[in-house]
Each structure stands twice: as structure tokens, then as C-alpha cells.
Amino acid sequence: MKLKQISVFLENRKGRLQKALEVLGNANVNIRTLSIADTSEFGILRMIVPDVDQVQSILEEHNFVVKVNDVIAVGVPDEPGGLEMILGILNKADINVEYLYAFAEKKVEQAIVVLRTENIDAGIKALKEGGATVLSPEEVYEL
């Protein structure tokens, strides 16, 4: 139940993020969720999109540096302590979380957390064994 994530490396200069989103908007790409992190030199725009190959091609055609990574999407109870429970499962299995970002969807009773672990397969296994709801790519794209 691996989910593909697009990472776009953006020079940390005015208008670069807007340009990437303009390119995707003009291509009628529906971004399901995104996160951006920055340093003094560059930013990393991370996105979940329904057609990873299409988005990668479009962005590369417009001279953006793109990488595709596997991540995990997990349903988390939308209540205090929900995320801590998920992180506790991974901690108990000695699995490190490299980063995560979340979004709430009105159609479901859970928040959705996208996370990257050092070992994706071990992360999925631990989450399932711990009773977490690991979402398929199709479930995320349909939200």
C-alpha cells in the first residue's frame, strides 16, 4: 500500500513556487495534498497527485527537478492523541519517521497523515500490525 509522492526542488527565489503551481494548474492537475519545507537555498514541494508519471513529465518539461518517493498514507482518528498513537506504533517497532504532513478530509471521520519512514515496507507492516488504517493510493486519490 505504498503511495507515490512527487518532490519538487525549488530554488528559494521569488515566484518559483507559484510557477510550479501555475504549470500544474494549466495542466489541470488536481493536487490531493502538499507540503513545503525550505532552507536558505531551496525548498522542497511534496505533493500527492493522482497521476505521478504525468506530473513528473510536465514539471521536468518546465525545467523543474523532480523526484518520486514512496510514502505511507494512514488514517488517524481526528481527535486528541490520534497522531501520537500512530507514532507510538512506529516507535515501538523501532522505525524512524523522516517527515510527515497531514490533511483533514470532510468525507471521512479521520485525518490523513502522509509519512515517510526509513523503511517503507517495515513501516506499513508495523502500522497494520498495530491496528492502524493504512490507505491505498486509490483511497487517497478519491478523497
Protein backbone atom coordinates (compact mmCIF):
# COMPACT_ATOMS: atom_id res chain seq x y z
CA MET A 1 0.00 0.00 0.00
CA LYS A 2 2.75 2.38 -0.93
CA LEU A 3 1.73 5.78 -2.15
CA LYS A 4 3.82 7.69 -4.69
CA GLN A 5 4.81 11.23 -3.77
CA ILE A 6 6.27 13.89 -6.04
CA SER A 7 9.08 16.02 -4.58
CA VAL A 8 9.94 19.18 -6.50
CA PHE A 9 13.14 21.01 -5.67
CA LEU A 10 12.62 24.76 -5.95
CA GLU A 11 15.22 27.49 -5.89
CA ASN A 12 14.47 29.75 -2.96
CA ARG A 13 13.59 32.79 -5.03
CA LYS A 14 10.51 34.86 -5.65
CA GLY A 15 7.86 33.29 -7.86
CA ARG A 16 9.35 29.80 -8.19
CA LEU A 17 6.64 28.06 -6.11
CA GLN A 18 3.92 29.99 -7.91
CA LYS A 19 5.41 28.98 -11.28
CA ALA A 20 5.35 25.28 -10.37
CA LEU A 21 1.72 25.53 -9.28
CA GLU A 22 0.85 27.53 -12.41
CA VAL A 23 2.32 24.79 -14.61
CA LEU A 24 0.25 22.17 -12.77
CA GLY A 25 -2.90 24.29 -12.85
CA ASN A 26 -2.55 24.83 -16.60
CA ALA A 27 -2.23 21.05 -17.00
CA ASN A 28 -5.43 20.57 -14.95
CA VAL A 29 -3.59 18.60 -12.23
CA ASN A 30 -5.58 18.07 -9.03
CA ILE A 31 -3.24 18.13 -6.03
CA ARG A 32 -4.69 16.00 -3.21
CA THR A 33 -2.31 17.35 -0.55
CA LEU A 34 1.00 19.14 -0.36
CA SER A 35 3.72 20.26 1.98
CA ILE A 36 6.62 22.61 1.53
CA ALA A 37 9.84 22.78 3.52
CA ASP A 38 12.61 25.24 2.93
CA THR A 39 16.22 26.02 3.60
CA SER A 40 18.06 29.22 2.77
CA GLU A 41 18.93 27.88 -0.68
CA PHE A 42 15.96 25.77 -1.83
CA GLY A 43 12.55 24.46 -0.96
CA ILE A 44 11.05 21.02 -1.36
CA LEU A 45 7.44 20.89 -2.51
CA ARG A 46 5.99 17.48 -1.70
CA MET A 47 2.69 16.51 -3.30
CA ILE A 48 0.28 13.64 -3.63
CA VAL A 49 -1.30 13.65 -7.09
CA PRO A 50 -3.38 11.02 -8.94
CA ASP A 51 -1.04 10.66 -11.96
CA VAL A 52 2.55 10.79 -10.77
CA ASP A 53 4.10 9.99 -14.16
CA GLN A 54 2.15 12.77 -15.88
CA VAL A 55 3.06 15.34 -13.23
CA GLN A 56 6.72 14.33 -13.28
CA SER A 57 6.84 14.74 -17.08
CA ILE A 58 5.06 18.09 -17.04
CA LEU A 59 7.32 19.53 -14.36
CA GLU A 60 10.52 18.22 -15.96
CA GLU A 61 9.43 19.72 -19.31
CA HIS A 62 9.35 23.06 -17.49
CA ASN A 63 12.86 22.57 -16.05
CA PHE A 64 11.91 21.58 -12.52
CA VAL A 65 13.97 18.95 -10.68
CA VAL A 66 11.59 16.18 -9.61
CA LYS A 67 11.98 13.03 -7.56
CA VAL A 68 9.38 10.33 -6.87
CA ASN A 69 9.35 8.68 -3.42
CA ASP A 70 7.25 6.07 -1.71
CA VAL A 71 5.28 7.23 1.31
CA ILE A 72 2.53 5.82 3.51
CA ALA A 73 -0.94 7.29 3.97
CA VAL A 74 -2.53 6.46 7.31
CA GLY A 75 -6.00 7.20 8.63
CA VAL A 76 -5.66 8.80 12.04
CA PRO A 77 -8.50 9.38 14.48
CA ASP A 78 -9.32 13.09 14.24
CA GLU A 79 -9.12 13.60 18.00
CA PRO A 80 -6.52 14.48 20.61
CA GLY A 81 -3.83 11.77 20.78
CA GLY A 82 -4.64 10.29 17.36
CA LEU A 83 -1.28 11.07 15.77
CA GLU A 84 0.64 10.09 18.90
CA MET A 85 -0.96 6.64 18.69
CA ILE A 86 0.35 6.16 15.12
CA LEU A 87 3.81 7.41 16.05
CA GLY A 88 3.79 5.11 19.08
CA ILE A 89 3.24 2.09 16.83
CA LEU A 90 6.24 3.03 14.71
CA ASN A 91 8.38 3.86 17.74
CA LYS A 92 7.59 0.51 19.33
CA ALA A 93 8.71 -1.19 16.09
CA ASP A 94 11.91 0.92 16.14
CA ILE A 95 11.01 2.64 12.85
CA ASN A 96 12.16 6.21 12.34
CA VAL A 97 9.86 8.77 10.72
CA GLU A 98 11.79 11.06 8.36
CA TYR A 99 8.91 13.51 7.88
CA LEU A 100 5.15 13.71 7.79
CA TYR A 101 2.33 16.03 6.83
CA ALA A 102 -1.40 15.77 7.30
CA PHE A 103 -4.73 16.89 5.98
CA ALA A 104 -8.31 16.55 7.13
CA GLU A 105 -10.96 15.38 4.71
CA LYS A 106 -14.60 16.19 5.32
CA LYS A 107 -15.79 12.95 3.69
CA VAL A 108 -14.23 10.74 6.37
CA GLU A 109 -14.05 10.78 10.14
CA GLN A 110 -10.28 10.57 10.17
CA ALA A 111 -7.45 12.91 9.37
CA ILE A 112 -4.98 11.58 6.82
CA VAL A 113 -1.28 11.57 7.63
CA VAL A 114 1.29 11.08 4.89
CA LEU A 115 4.59 9.88 6.28
CA ARG A 116 7.94 8.68 5.09
CA THR A 117 9.86 6.15 7.13
CA GLU A 118 13.40 4.90 6.67
CA ASN A 119 11.97 1.55 5.59
CA ILE A 120 8.58 1.89 3.91
CA ASP A 121 7.75 -1.84 3.89
CA ALA A 122 8.59 -2.21 7.59
CA GLY A 123 6.56 0.93 8.32
CA ILE A 124 3.50 -0.44 6.53
CA LYS A 125 3.83 -3.80 8.26
CA ALA A 126 4.18 -2.24 11.73
CA LEU A 127 1.24 0.09 11.19
CA LYS A 128 -1.03 -2.73 10.00
CA GLU A 129 0.04 -5.00 12.86
CA GLY A 130 -0.57 -2.12 15.27
CA GLY A 131 -4.15 -1.74 14.03
CA ALA A 132 -3.66 1.47 12.03
CA THR A 133 -5.65 2.11 8.87
CA VAL A 134 -3.14 2.18 6.03
CA LEU A 135 -4.79 3.67 2.96
CA SER A 136 -4.31 2.55 -0.61
CA PRO A 137 -3.38 5.09 -3.31
CA GLU A 138 -6.88 4.78 -4.75
CA GLU A 139 -8.47 5.63 -1.40
CA VAL A 140 -6.36 8.77 -1.13
CA TYR A 141 -7.00 9.90 -4.70
CA GLU A 142 -10.77 9.51 -4.23
CA LEU A 143 -10.87 11.81 -1.20
